[in-house]
């Protein structure tokens, strides 16, 4: 399901633990991580990104400029957060909003639609 796809993960902390990263990579994904929104925007410009997972829990940096750029480029993305505010679901209602404990299969389906098993 992830074979050959580059997944950008923009996170301040440990959104995806090592086991999940390993599963993504075992499934064929190329995982690129950014620890800040500016770094994520740079990677988005310089790399061929197929999908992104954005952490909403940044101290200071708002992730929304990156989300807007992903929308413009028509690159699928999901937010990883334990709390979904009504404002967020109103603006980004077309995207799957995931809890941090979301299973890999659910992440794949949110990013790429209906997919076969890992």
PDB file of N, CA and C in Angstrom:
ATOM      1  N   UNK A   1       0.801  -1.189   0.000  1.00  0.00           N
ATOM      2  CA  UNK A   1       0.000   0.000   0.000  1.00  0.00           C
ATOM      3  C   UNK A   1       0.846   1.255   0.000  1.00  0.00           C
ATOM      4  N   UNK A   2       2.037   1.200   0.556  1.00  0.00           N
ATOM      5  CA  UNK A   2       2.915   2.363   0.599  1.00  0.00           C
ATOM      6  C   UNK A   2       4.088   2.251  -0.372  1.00  0.00           C
ATOM      7  N   UNK A   3       4.170   1.154  -1.100  1.00  0.00           N
ATOM      8  CA  UNK A   3       5.336   0.867  -1.928  1.00  0.00           C
ATOM      9  C   UNK A   3       5.700   2.028  -2.840  1.00  0.00           C
ATOM     10  N   UNK A   4       6.902   2.532  -2.645  1.00  0.00           N
ATOM     11  CA  UNK A   4       7.424   3.597  -3.484  1.00  0.00           C
ATOM     12  C   UNK A   4       6.853   4.977  -3.196  1.00  0.00           C
ATOM     13  N   UNK A   5       6.006   5.106  -2.207  1.00  0.00           N
ATOM     14  CA  UNK A   5       5.397   6.404  -1.883  1.00  0.00           C
ATOM     15  C   UNK A   5       6.208   7.108  -0.799  1.00  0.00           C
ATOM     16  N   UNK A   6       6.410   8.382  -0.995  1.00  0.00           N
ATOM     17  CA  UNK A   6       7.145   9.180  -0.023  1.00  0.00           C
ATOM     18  C   UNK A   6       6.151   9.868   0.896  1.00  0.00           C
ATOM     19  N   UNK A   7       6.292   9.606   2.181  1.00  0.00           N
ATOM     20  CA  UNK A   7       5.400  10.165   3.187  1.00  0.00           C
ATOM     21  C   UNK A   7       6.185  11.163   4.034  1.00  0.00           C
ATOM     22  N   UNK A   8       5.737  12.403   4.014  1.00  0.00           N
ATOM     23  CA  UNK A   8       6.338  13.447   4.833  1.00  0.00           C
ATOM     24  C   UNK A   8       5.629  13.473   6.178  1.00  0.00           C
ATOM     25  N   UNK A   9       6.398  13.376   7.247  1.00  0.00           N
ATOM     26  CA  UNK A   9       5.838  13.468   8.594  1.00  0.00           C
ATOM     27  C   UNK A   9       6.390  14.740   9.218  1.00  0.00           C
ATOM     28  N   UNK A  10       5.491  15.640   9.571  1.00  0.00           N
ATOM     29  CA  UNK A  10       5.897  16.890  10.206  1.00  0.00           C
ATOM     30  C   UNK A  10       5.430  16.815  11.653  1.00  0.00           C
ATOM     31  N   UNK A  11       6.398  16.705  12.553  1.00  0.00           N
ATOM     32  CA  UNK A  11       6.076  16.499  13.959  1.00  0.00           C
ATOM     33  C   UNK A  11       7.097  17.190  14.838  1.00  0.00           C
ATOM     34  N   UNK A  12       6.616  17.675  15.957  1.00  0.00           N
ATOM     35  CA  UNK A  12       7.514  18.302  16.919  1.00  0.00           C
ATOM     36  C   UNK A  12       8.039  17.263  17.908  1.00  0.00           C
ATOM     37  N   UNK A  13       7.183  16.357  18.280  1.00  0.00           N
ATOM     38  CA  UNK A  13       7.572  15.328  19.247  1.00  0.00           C
ATOM     39  C   UNK A  13       7.681  13.984  18.570  1.00  0.00           C
ATOM     40  N   UNK A  14       7.081  12.987  19.195  1.00  0.00           N
ATOM     41  CA  UNK A  14       7.114  11.633  18.646  1.00  0.00           C
ATOM     42  C   UNK A  14       5.711  11.212  18.249  1.00  0.00           C
ATOM     43  N   UNK A  15       5.240  11.791  17.151  1.00  0.00           N
ATOM     44  CA  UNK A  15       3.922  11.462  16.626  1.00  0.00           C
ATOM     45  C   UNK A  15       3.836   9.976  16.302  1.00  0.00           C
ATOM     46  N   UNK A  16       4.795   9.511  15.563  1.00  0.00           N
ATOM     47  CA  UNK A  16       4.825   8.091  15.190  1.00  0.00           C
ATOM     48  C   UNK A  16       6.017   7.447  15.872  1.00  0.00           C
ATOM     49  N   UNK A  17       5.753   6.425  16.628  1.00  0.00           N
ATOM     50  CA  UNK A  17       6.850   5.757  17.297  1.00  0.00           C
ATOM     51  C   UNK A  17       7.675   4.952  16.301  1.00  0.00           C
ATOM     52  N   UNK A  18       8.786   4.429  16.774  1.00  0.00           N
ATOM     53  CA  UNK A  18       9.689   3.685  15.892  1.00  0.00           C
ATOM     54  C   UNK A  18       9.007   2.494  15.235  1.00  0.00           C
ATOM     55  N   UNK A  19       8.097   1.830  15.944  1.00  0.00           N
ATOM     56  CA  UNK A  19       7.403   0.673  15.381  1.00  0.00           C
ATOM     57  C   UNK A  19       6.560   1.085  14.174  1.00  0.00           C
ATOM     58  N   UNK A  20       5.866   2.218  14.288  1.00  0.00           N
ATOM     59  CA  UNK A  20       5.026   2.673  13.177  1.00  0.00           C
ATOM     60  C   UNK A  20       5.871   3.100  11.995  1.00  0.00           C
ATOM     61  N   UNK A  21       6.954   3.812  12.255  1.00  0.00           N
ATOM     62  CA  UNK A  21       7.871   4.185  11.167  1.00  0.00           C
ATOM     63  C   UNK A  21       8.396   2.937  10.464  1.00  0.00           C
ATOM     64  N   UNK A  22       8.760   1.941  11.260  1.00  0.00           N
ATOM     65  CA  UNK A  22       9.265   0.696  10.697  1.00  0.00           C
ATOM     66  C   UNK A  22       8.193   0.025   9.845  1.00  0.00           C
ATOM     67  N   UNK A  23       6.942   0.026  10.318  1.00  0.00           N
ATOM     68  CA  UNK A  23       5.848  -0.542   9.529  1.00  0.00           C
ATOM     69  C   UNK A  23       5.665   0.204   8.211  1.00  0.00           C
ATOM     70  N   UNK A  24       5.715   1.539   8.270  1.00  0.00           N
ATOM     71  CA  UNK A  24       5.597   2.330   7.036  1.00  0.00           C
ATOM     72  C   UNK A  24       6.712   1.956   6.061  1.00  0.00           C
ATOM     73  N   UNK A  25       7.920   1.884   6.570  1.00  0.00           N
ATOM     74  CA  UNK A  25       9.062   1.563   5.717  1.00  0.00           C
ATOM     75  C   UNK A  25       9.012   0.115   5.245  1.00  0.00           C
ATOM     76  N   UNK A  26       8.577  -0.798   6.103  1.00  0.00           N
ATOM     77  CA  UNK A  26       8.436  -2.194   5.704  1.00  0.00           C
ATOM     78  C   UNK A  26       7.374  -2.329   4.612  1.00  0.00           C
ATOM     79  N   UNK A  27       6.361  -1.480   4.690  1.00  0.00           N
ATOM     80  CA  UNK A  27       5.323  -1.461   3.660  1.00  0.00           C
ATOM     81  C   UNK A  27       5.764  -0.791   2.374  1.00  0.00           C
ATOM     82  N   UNK A  28       7.014  -0.349   2.325  1.00  0.00           N
ATOM     83  CA  UNK A  28       7.554   0.221   1.099  1.00  0.00           C
ATOM     84  C   UNK A  28       7.607   1.735   1.060  1.00  0.00           C
ATOM     85  N   UNK A  29       7.198   2.399   2.129  1.00  0.00           N
ATOM     86  CA  UNK A  29       7.203   3.865   2.145  1.00  0.00           C
ATOM     87  C   UNK A  29       8.609   4.406   2.353  1.00  0.00           C
ATOM     88  N   UNK A  30       8.833   5.548   1.779  1.00  0.00           N
ATOM     89  CA  UNK A  30      10.025   6.337   2.062  1.00  0.00           C
ATOM     90  C   UNK A  30       9.554   7.412   3.030  1.00  0.00           C
ATOM     91  N   UNK A  31      10.028   7.357   4.262  1.00  0.00           N
ATOM     92  CA  UNK A  31       9.576   8.284   5.296  1.00  0.00           C
ATOM     93  C   UNK A  31      10.578   9.414   5.432  1.00  0.00           C
ATOM     94  N   UNK A  32      10.074  10.631   5.283  1.00  0.00           N
ATOM     95  CA  UNK A  32      10.891  11.827   5.463  1.00  0.00           C
ATOM     96  C   UNK A  32      10.273  12.613   6.607  1.00  0.00           C
ATOM     97  N   UNK A  33      11.086  12.974   7.589  1.00  0.00           N
ATOM     98  CA  UNK A  33      10.566  13.680   8.753  1.00  0.00           C
ATOM     99  C   UNK A  33      11.070  15.115   8.792  1.00  0.00           C
ATOM    100  N   UNK A  34      10.209  15.995   9.284  1.00  0.00           N
ATOM    101  CA  UNK A  34      10.566  17.388   9.521  1.00  0.00           C
ATOM    102  C   UNK A  34      10.130  17.754  10.931  1.00  0.00           C
ATOM    103  N   UNK A  35      10.977  18.491  11.635  1.00  0.00           N
ATOM    104  CA  UNK A  35      10.687  18.852  13.018  1.00  0.00           C
ATOM    105  C   UNK A  35      10.090  20.248  13.148  1.00  0.00           C
ATOM    106  N   UNK A  36       9.854  20.913  12.015  1.00  0.00           N
ATOM    107  CA  UNK A  36       9.263  22.245  12.058  1.00  0.00           C
ATOM    108  C   UNK A  36       8.493  22.490  10.768  1.00  0.00           C
ATOM    109  N   UNK A  37       7.614  23.464  10.801  1.00  0.00           N
ATOM    110  CA  UNK A  37       6.849  23.815   9.601  1.00  0.00           C
ATOM    111  C   UNK A  37       7.766  24.365   8.510  1.00  0.00           C
ATOM    112  N   UNK A  38       8.701  25.281   8.805  1.00  0.00           N
ATOM    113  CA  UNK A  38       9.602  25.744   7.745  1.00  0.00           C
ATOM    114  C   UNK A  38      10.401  24.613   7.102  1.00  0.00           C
ATOM    115  N   UNK A  39      10.859  23.678   7.923  1.00  0.00           N
ATOM    116  CA  UNK A  39      11.578  22.520   7.387  1.00  0.00           C
ATOM    117  C   UNK A  39      10.663  21.672   6.508  1.00  0.00           C
ATOM    118  N   UNK A  40       9.414  21.498   6.930  1.00  0.00           N
ATOM    119  CA  UNK A  40       8.447  20.752   6.127  1.00  0.00           C
ATOM    120  C   UNK A  40       8.175  21.428   4.788  1.00  0.00           C
ATOM    121  N   UNK A  41       8.052  22.743   4.791  1.00  0.00           N
ATOM    122  CA  UNK A  41       7.832  23.487   3.543  1.00  0.00           C
ATOM    123  C   UNK A  41       9.027  23.339   2.605  1.00  0.00           C
ATOM    124  N   UNK A  42      10.233  23.354   3.160  1.00  0.00           N
ATOM    125  CA  UNK A  42      11.435  23.161   2.344  1.00  0.00           C
ATOM    126  C   UNK A  42      11.456  21.773   1.729  1.00  0.00           C
ATOM    127  N   UNK A  43      11.151  20.757   2.538  1.00  0.00           N
ATOM    128  CA  UNK A  43      11.112  19.388   2.018  1.00  0.00           C
ATOM    129  C   UNK A  43      10.029  19.234   0.956  1.00  0.00           C
ATOM    130  N   UNK A  44       8.913  19.891   1.145  1.00  0.00           N
ATOM    131  CA  UNK A  44       7.822  19.834   0.181  1.00  0.00           C
ATOM    132  C   UNK A  44       8.253  20.419  -1.156  1.00  0.00           C
ATOM    133  N   UNK A  45       9.092  21.434  -1.116  1.00  0.00           N
ATOM    134  CA  UNK A  45       9.607  22.059  -2.327  1.00  0.00           C
ATOM    135  C   UNK A  45      10.671  21.203  -3.003  1.00  0.00           C
ATOM    136  N   UNK A  46      11.511  20.553  -2.191  1.00  0.00           N
ATOM    137  CA  UNK A  46      12.686  19.858  -2.731  1.00  0.00           C
ATOM    138  C   UNK A  46      12.505  18.370  -2.967  1.00  0.00           C
ATOM    139  N   UNK A  47      11.445  17.778  -2.440  1.00  0.00           N
ATOM    140  CA  UNK A  47      11.235  16.335  -2.558  1.00  0.00           C
ATOM    141  C   UNK A  47       9.929  16.049  -3.289  1.00  0.00           C
ATOM    142  N   UNK A  48       9.816  14.862  -3.821  1.00  0.00           N
ATOM    143  CA  UNK A  48       8.580  14.417  -4.467  1.00  0.00           C
ATOM    144  C   UNK A  48       7.725  13.716  -3.411  1.00  0.00           C
ATOM    145  N   UNK A  49       6.855  14.475  -2.757  1.00  0.00           N
ATOM    146  CA  UNK A  49       6.059  13.978  -1.644  1.00  0.00           C
ATOM    147  C   UNK A  49       4.725  13.447  -2.167  1.00  0.00           C
ATOM    148  N   UNK A  50       4.344  12.246  -1.731  1.00  0.00           N
ATOM    149  CA  UNK A  50       3.073  11.641  -2.132  1.00  0.00           C
ATOM    150  C   UNK A  50       1.960  11.866  -1.118  1.00  0.00           C
ATOM    151  N   UNK A  51       2.329  12.040   0.151  1.00  0.00           N
ATOM    152  CA  UNK A  51       1.341  12.224   1.209  1.00  0.00           C
ATOM    153  C   UNK A  51       2.050  12.792   2.431  1.00  0.00           C
ATOM    154  N   UNK A  52       1.251  13.315   3.367  1.00  0.00           N
ATOM    155  CA  UNK A  52       1.852  13.881   4.572  1.00  0.00           C
ATOM    156  C   UNK A  52       0.985  13.595   5.796  1.00  0.00           C
ATOM    157  N   UNK A  53       1.655  13.505   6.929  1.00  0.00           N
ATOM    158  CA  UNK A  53       1.002  13.387   8.221  1.00  0.00           C
ATOM    159  C   UNK A  53       1.487  14.576   9.038  1.00  0.00           C
ATOM    160  N   UNK A  54       0.544  15.408   9.486  1.00  0.00           N
ATOM    161  CA  UNK A  54       0.891  16.649  10.168  1.00  0.00           C
ATOM    162  C   UNK A  54       0.481  16.597  11.635  1.00  0.00           C
ATOM    163  N   UNK A  55       1.407  16.899  12.502  1.00  0.00           N
ATOM    164  CA  UNK A  55       1.139  16.970  13.929  1.00  0.00           C
ATOM    165  C   UNK A  55       0.593  18.353  14.245  1.00  0.00           C
ATOM    166  N   UNK A  56      -0.534  18.419  14.922  1.00  0.00           N
ATOM    167  CA  UNK A  56      -1.119  19.705  15.289  1.00  0.00           C
ATOM    168  C   UNK A  56      -0.546  20.270  16.581  1.00  0.00           C
ATOM    169  N   UNK A  57       0.236  19.509  17.291  1.00  0.00           N
ATOM    170  CA  UNK A  57       0.698  19.914  18.610  1.00  0.00           C
ATOM    171  C   UNK A  57       2.055  20.621  18.568  1.00  0.00           C
ATOM    172  N   UNK A  58       2.168  21.677  17.809  1.00  0.00           N
ATOM    173  CA  UNK A  58       3.406  22.450  17.750  1.00  0.00           C
ATOM    174  C   UNK A  58       3.366  23.568  18.776  1.00  0.00           C
ATOM    175  N   UNK A  59       4.496  23.855  19.385  1.00  0.00           N
ATOM    176  CA  UNK A  59       4.621  25.013  20.273  1.00  0.00           C
ATOM    177  C   UNK A  59       5.127  26.183  19.437  1.00  0.00           C
ATOM    178  N   UNK A  60       4.240  27.058  19.075  1.00  0.00           N
ATOM    179  CA  UNK A  60       4.653  28.250  18.347  1.00  0.00           C
ATOM    180  C   UNK A  60       4.314  28.204  16.868  1.00  0.00           C
ATOM    181  N   UNK A  61       4.847  27.249  16.127  1.00  0.00           N
ATOM    182  CA  UNK A  61       4.602  27.162  14.685  1.00  0.00           C
ATOM    183  C   UNK A  61       3.212  26.608  14.414  1.00  0.00           C
ATOM    184  N   UNK A  62       2.449  27.301  13.606  1.00  0.00           N
ATOM    185  CA  UNK A  62       1.157  26.772  13.157  1.00  0.00           C
ATOM    186  C   UNK A  62       1.403  25.915  11.927  1.00  0.00           C
ATOM    187  N   UNK A  63       0.812  24.753  11.894  1.00  0.00           N
ATOM    188  CA  UNK A  63       1.013  23.811  10.799  1.00  0.00           C
ATOM    189  C   UNK A  63       0.156  24.170   9.578  1.00  0.00           C
ATOM    190  N   UNK A  64      -0.763  25.116   9.746  1.00  0.00           N
ATOM    191  CA  UNK A  64      -1.720  25.404   8.682  1.00  0.00           C
ATOM    192  C   UNK A  64      -1.120  25.951   7.384  1.00  0.00           C
ATOM    193  N   UNK A  65      -0.024  26.732   7.405  1.00  0.00           N
ATOM    194  CA  UNK A  65       0.577  27.123   6.116  1.00  0.00           C
ATOM    195  C   UNK A  65       1.023  25.911   5.297  1.00  0.00           C
ATOM    196  N   UNK A  66       1.508  24.899   5.980  1.00  0.00           N
ATOM    197  CA  UNK A  66       1.905  23.667   5.289  1.00  0.00           C
ATOM    198  C   UNK A  66       0.678  22.931   4.766  1.00  0.00           C
ATOM    199  N   UNK A  67      -0.388  22.892   5.557  1.00  0.00           N
ATOM    200  CA  UNK A  67      -1.630  22.254   5.105  1.00  0.00           C
ATOM    201  C   UNK A  67      -2.182  22.969   3.876  1.00  0.00           C
ATOM    202  N   UNK A  68      -2.125  24.292   3.874  1.00  0.00           N
ATOM    203  CA  UNK A  68      -2.607  25.063   2.712  1.00  0.00           C
ATOM    204  C   UNK A  68      -1.783  24.762   1.471  1.00  0.00           C
ATOM    205  N   UNK A  69      -0.476  24.634   1.642  1.00  0.00           N
ATOM    206  CA  UNK A  69       0.400  24.310   0.499  1.00  0.00           C
ATOM    207  C   UNK A  69       0.088  22.906  -0.027  1.00  0.00           C
ATOM    208  N   UNK A  70      -0.134  21.962   0.878  1.00  0.00           N
ATOM    209  CA  UNK A  70      -0.497  20.603   0.469  1.00  0.00           C
ATOM    210  C   UNK A  70      -1.823  20.603  -0.285  1.00  0.00           C
ATOM    211  N   UNK A  71      -2.790  21.381   0.190  1.00  0.00           N
ATOM    212  CA  UNK A  71      -4.069  21.513  -0.514  1.00  0.00           C
ATOM    213  C   UNK A  71      -3.859  22.043  -1.925  1.00  0.00           C
ATOM    214  N   UNK A  72      -3.061  23.097  -2.042  1.00  0.00           N
ATOM    215  CA  UNK A  72      -2.788  23.712  -3.340  1.00  0.00           C
ATOM    216  C   UNK A  72      -2.152  22.711  -4.303  1.00  0.00           C
ATOM    217  N   UNK A  73      -1.230  21.896  -3.784  1.00  0.00           N
ATOM    218  CA  UNK A  73      -0.524  20.907  -4.608  1.00  0.00           C
ATOM    219  C   UNK A  73      -1.317  19.613  -4.793  1.00  0.00           C
ATOM    220  N   UNK A  74      -2.488  19.539  -4.153  1.00  0.00           N
ATOM    221  CA  UNK A  74      -3.345  18.351  -4.210  1.00  0.00           C
ATOM    222  C   UNK A  74      -2.642  17.097  -3.707  1.00  0.00           C
ATOM    223  N   UNK A  75      -1.876  17.265  -2.630  1.00  0.00           N
ATOM    224  CA  UNK A  75      -1.196  16.156  -1.974  1.00  0.00           C
ATOM    225  C   UNK A  75      -2.036  15.764  -0.755  1.00  0.00           C
ATOM    226  N   UNK A  76      -2.440  14.509  -0.668  1.00  0.00           N
ATOM    227  CA  UNK A  76      -3.271  14.096   0.461  1.00  0.00           C
ATOM    228  C   UNK A  76      -2.501  14.184   1.780  1.00  0.00           C
ATOM    229  N   UNK A  77      -3.224  14.576   2.818  1.00  0.00           N
ATOM    230  CA  UNK A  77      -2.611  14.647   4.134  1.00  0.00           C
ATOM    231  C   UNK A  77      -3.663  14.401   5.203  1.00  0.00           C
ATOM    232  N   UNK A  78      -3.177  14.054   6.365  1.00  0.00           N
ATOM    233  CA  UNK A  78      -4.035  13.904   7.530  1.00  0.00           C
ATOM    234  C   UNK A  78      -3.383  14.639   8.693  1.00  0.00           C
ATOM    235  N   UNK A  79      -4.223  15.043   9.628  1.00  0.00           N
ATOM    236  CA  UNK A  79      -3.733  15.618  10.866  1.00  0.00           C
ATOM    237  C   UNK A  79      -3.679  14.522  11.912  1.00  0.00           C
ATOM    238  N   UNK A  80      -2.654  14.552  12.718  1.00  0.00           N
ATOM    239  CA  UNK A  80      -2.559  13.622  13.845  1.00  0.00           C
ATOM    240  C   UNK A  80      -2.787  14.435  15.102  1.00  0.00           C
ATOM    241  N   UNK A  81      -3.882  14.185  15.743  1.00  0.00           N
ATOM    242  CA  UNK A  81      -4.230  14.915  16.943  1.00  0.00           C
ATOM    243  C   UNK A  81      -5.209  14.103  17.772  1.00  0.00           C
ATOM    244  N   UNK A  82      -5.170  14.319  19.043  1.00  0.00           N
ATOM    245  CA  UNK A  82      -6.120  13.644  19.920  1.00  0.00           C
ATOM    246  C   UNK A  82      -7.402  14.455  20.063  1.00  0.00           C
ATOM    247  N   UNK A  83      -7.364  15.723  19.651  1.00  0.00           N
ATOM    248  CA  UNK A  83      -8.510  16.608  19.810  1.00  0.00           C
ATOM    249  C   UNK A  83      -8.810  17.311  18.495  1.00  0.00           C
ATOM    250  N   UNK A  84     -10.029  17.233  18.041  1.00  0.00           N
ATOM    251  CA  UNK A  84     -10.438  17.892  16.810  1.00  0.00           C
ATOM    252  C   UNK A  84     -11.409  19.008  17.166  1.00  0.00           C
ATOM    253  N   UNK A  85     -10.985  20.230  16.897  1.00  0.00           N
ATOM    254  CA  UNK A  85     -11.863  21.368  17.195  1.00  0.00           C
ATOM    255  C   UNK A  85     -12.874  21.542  16.075  1.00  0.00           C
ATOM    256  N   UNK A  86     -14.036  22.143  16.368  1.00  0.00           N
ATOM    257  CA  UNK A  86     -15.028  22.395  15.324  1.00  0.00           C
ATOM    258  C   UNK A  86     -14.485  23.272  14.199  1.00  0.00           C
ATOM    259  N   UNK A  87     -13.605  24.223  14.536  1.00  0.00           N
ATOM    260  CA  UNK A  87     -13.020  25.086  13.504  1.00  0.00           C
ATOM    261  C   UNK A  87     -12.183  24.272  12.527  1.00  0.00           C
ATOM    262  N   UNK A  88     -11.429  23.323  13.045  1.00  0.00           N
ATOM    263  CA  UNK A  88     -10.574  22.495  12.207  1.00  0.00           C
ATOM    264  C   UNK A  88     -11.404  21.641  11.267  1.00  0.00           C
ATOM    265  N   UNK A  89     -12.424  20.990  11.785  1.00  0.00           N
ATOM    266  CA  UNK A  89     -13.231  20.114  10.937  1.00  0.00           C
ATOM    267  C   UNK A  89     -14.013  20.928   9.907  1.00  0.00           C
ATOM    268  N   UNK A  90     -14.332  22.188  10.217  1.00  0.00           N
ATOM    269  CA  UNK A  90     -15.026  23.021   9.245  1.00  0.00           C
ATOM    270  C   UNK A  90     -14.152  23.401   8.066  1.00  0.00           C
ATOM    271  N   UNK A  91     -12.894  23.721   8.330  1.00  0.00           N
ATOM    272  CA  UNK A  91     -11.972  24.135   7.278  1.00  0.00           C
ATOM    273  C   UNK A  91     -11.405  22.939   6.521  1.00  0.00           C
ATOM    274  N   UNK A  92     -11.064  21.892   7.245  1.00  0.00           N
ATOM    275  CA  UNK A  92     -10.409  20.729   6.643  1.00  0.00           C
ATOM    276  C   UNK A  92     -11.301  19.495   6.731  1.00  0.00           C
ATOM    277  N   UNK A  93     -12.591  19.679   6.575  1.00  0.00           N
ATOM    278  CA  UNK A  93     -13.541  18.586   6.723  1.00  0.00           C
ATOM    279  C   UNK A  93     -13.366  17.462   5.727  1.00  0.00           C
ATOM    280  N   UNK A  94     -12.736  17.712   4.591  1.00  0.00           N
ATOM    281  CA  UNK A  94     -12.545  16.678   3.581  1.00  0.00           C
ATOM    282  C   UNK A  94     -11.401  15.737   3.881  1.00  0.00           C
ATOM    283  N   UNK A  95     -10.688  15.992   4.968  1.00  0.00           N
ATOM    284  CA  UNK A  95      -9.535  15.172   5.291  1.00  0.00           C
ATOM    285  C   UNK A  95      -9.787  14.402   6.568  1.00  0.00           C
ATOM    286  N   UNK A  96      -9.251  13.217   6.621  1.00  0.00           N
ATOM    287  CA  UNK A  96      -9.421  12.361   7.791  1.00  0.00           C
ATOM    288  C   UNK A  96      -8.600  12.911   8.947  1.00  0.00           C
ATOM    289  N   UNK A  97      -9.210  13.053  10.060  1.00  0.00           N
ATOM    290  CA  UNK A  97      -8.539  13.534  11.255  1.00  0.00           C
ATOM    291  C   UNK A  97      -8.329  12.345  12.173  1.00  0.00           C
ATOM    292  N   UNK A  98      -7.107  12.092  12.527  1.00  0.00           N
ATOM    293  CA  UNK A  98      -6.764  10.857  13.221  1.00  0.00           C
ATOM    294  C   UNK A  98      -6.281  11.112  14.639  1.00  0.00           C
ATOM    295  N   UNK A  99      -6.559  10.196  15.501  1.00  0.00           N
ATOM    296  CA  UNK A  99      -5.947  10.201  16.824  1.00  0.00           C
ATOM    297  C   UNK A  99      -4.532   9.655  16.700  1.00  0.00           C
ATOM    298  N   UNK A 100      -3.707   9.943  17.663  1.00  0.00           N
ATOM    299  CA  UNK A 100      -2.315   9.489  17.619  1.00  0.00           C
ATOM    300  C   UNK A 100      -2.194   7.967  17.619  1.00  0.00           C
ATOM    301  N   UNK A 101      -3.227   7.275  18.059  1.00  0.00           N
ATOM    302  CA  UNK A 101      -3.151   5.817  18.141  1.00  0.00           C
ATOM    303  C   UNK A 101      -3.762   5.134  16.925  1.00  0.00           C
ATOM    304  N   UNK A 102      -3.999   5.875  15.867  1.00  0.00           N
ATOM    305  CA  UNK A 102      -4.612   5.310  14.673  1.00  0.00           C
ATOM    306  C   UNK A 102      -3.746   4.189  14.094  1.00  0.00           C
ATOM    307  N   UNK A 103      -4.400   3.135  13.654  1.00  0.00           N
ATOM    308  CA  UNK A 103      -3.701   2.012  13.045  1.00  0.00           C
ATOM    309  C   UNK A 103      -3.161   2.386  11.670  1.00  0.00           C
ATOM    310  N   UNK A 104      -2.102   1.704  11.274  1.00  0.00           N
ATOM    311  CA  UNK A 104      -1.451   1.966   9.992  1.00  0.00           C
ATOM    312  C   UNK A 104      -2.416   1.813   8.821  1.00  0.00           C
ATOM    313  N   UNK A 105      -3.271   0.803   8.865  1.00  0.00           N
ATOM    314  CA  UNK A 105      -4.246   0.584   7.795  1.00  0.00           C
ATOM    315  C   UNK A 105      -5.164   1.796   7.655  1.00  0.00           C
ATOM    316  N   UNK A 106      -5.597   2.359   8.785  1.00  0.00           N
ATOM    317  CA  UNK A 106      -6.467   3.531   8.742  1.00  0.00           C
ATOM    318  C   UNK A 106      -5.738   4.745   8.173  1.00  0.00           C
ATOM    319  N   UNK A 107      -4.468   4.892   8.512  1.00  0.00           N
ATOM    320  CA  UNK A 107      -3.677   5.989   7.959  1.00  0.00           C
ATOM    321  C   UNK A 107      -3.582   5.840   6.447  1.00  0.00           C
ATOM    322  N   UNK A 108      -3.294   4.638   5.965  1.00  0.00           N
ATOM    323  CA  UNK A 108      -3.174   4.402   4.528  1.00  0.00           C
ATOM    324  C   UNK A 108      -4.483   4.704   3.807  1.00  0.00           C
ATOM    325  N   UNK A 109      -5.588   4.262   4.379  1.00  0.00           N
ATOM    326  CA  UNK A 109      -6.887   4.512   3.751  1.00  0.00           C
ATOM    327  C   UNK A 109      -7.216   5.999   3.736  1.00  0.00           C
ATOM    328  N   UNK A 110      -6.849   6.711   4.794  1.00  0.00           N
ATOM    329  CA  UNK A 110      -7.097   8.148   4.847  1.00  0.00           C
ATOM    330  C   UNK A 110      -6.271   8.886   3.800  1.00  0.00           C
ATOM    331  N   UNK A 111      -5.050   8.443   3.582  1.00  0.00           N
ATOM    332  CA  UNK A 111      -4.169   9.123   2.627  1.00  0.00           C
ATOM    333  C   UNK A 111      -4.430   8.728   1.188  1.00  0.00           C
ATOM    334  N   UNK A 112      -4.652   7.438   0.957  1.00  0.00           N
ATOM    335  CA  UNK A 112      -4.688   6.951  -0.434  1.00  0.00           C
ATOM    336  C   UNK A 112      -5.998   6.303  -0.843  1.00  0.00           C
ATOM    337  N   UNK A 113      -7.017   6.361   0.002  1.00  0.00           N
ATOM    338  CA  UNK A 113      -8.297   5.741  -0.330  1.00  0.00           C
ATOM    339  C   UNK A 113      -8.287   4.285   0.057  1.00  0.00           C
ATOM    340  N   UNK A 114      -9.227   3.523  -0.474  1.00  0.00           N
ATOM    341  CA  UNK A 114      -9.337   2.108  -0.160  1.00  0.00           C
ATOM    342  C   UNK A 114      -8.086   1.390  -0.681  1.00  0.00           C
ATOM    343  N   UNK A 115      -7.439   0.669   0.202  1.00  0.00           N
ATOM    344  CA  UNK A 115      -6.207  -0.026  -0.162  1.00  0.00           C
ATOM    345  C   UNK A 115      -6.262  -1.466   0.310  1.00  0.00           C
ATOM    346  N   UNK A 116      -5.404  -2.264  -0.277  1.00  0.00           N
ATOM    347  CA  UNK A 116      -5.292  -3.657   0.148  1.00  0.00           C
ATOM    348  C   UNK A 116      -4.578  -3.714   1.492  1.00  0.00           C
ATOM    349  N   UNK A 117      -4.575  -4.852   2.094  1.00  0.00           N
ATOM    350  CA  UNK A 117      -3.903  -4.997   3.393  1.00  0.00           C
ATOM    351  C   UNK A 117      -2.406  -4.835   3.234  1.00  0.00           C
ATOM    352  N   UNK A 118      -1.764  -4.547   4.363  1.00  0.00           N
ATOM    353  CA  UNK A 118      -0.318  -4.331   4.387  1.00  0.00           C
ATOM    354  C   UNK A 118       0.374  -5.570   3.912  1.00  0.00           C
TER     355      UNK A 118
END
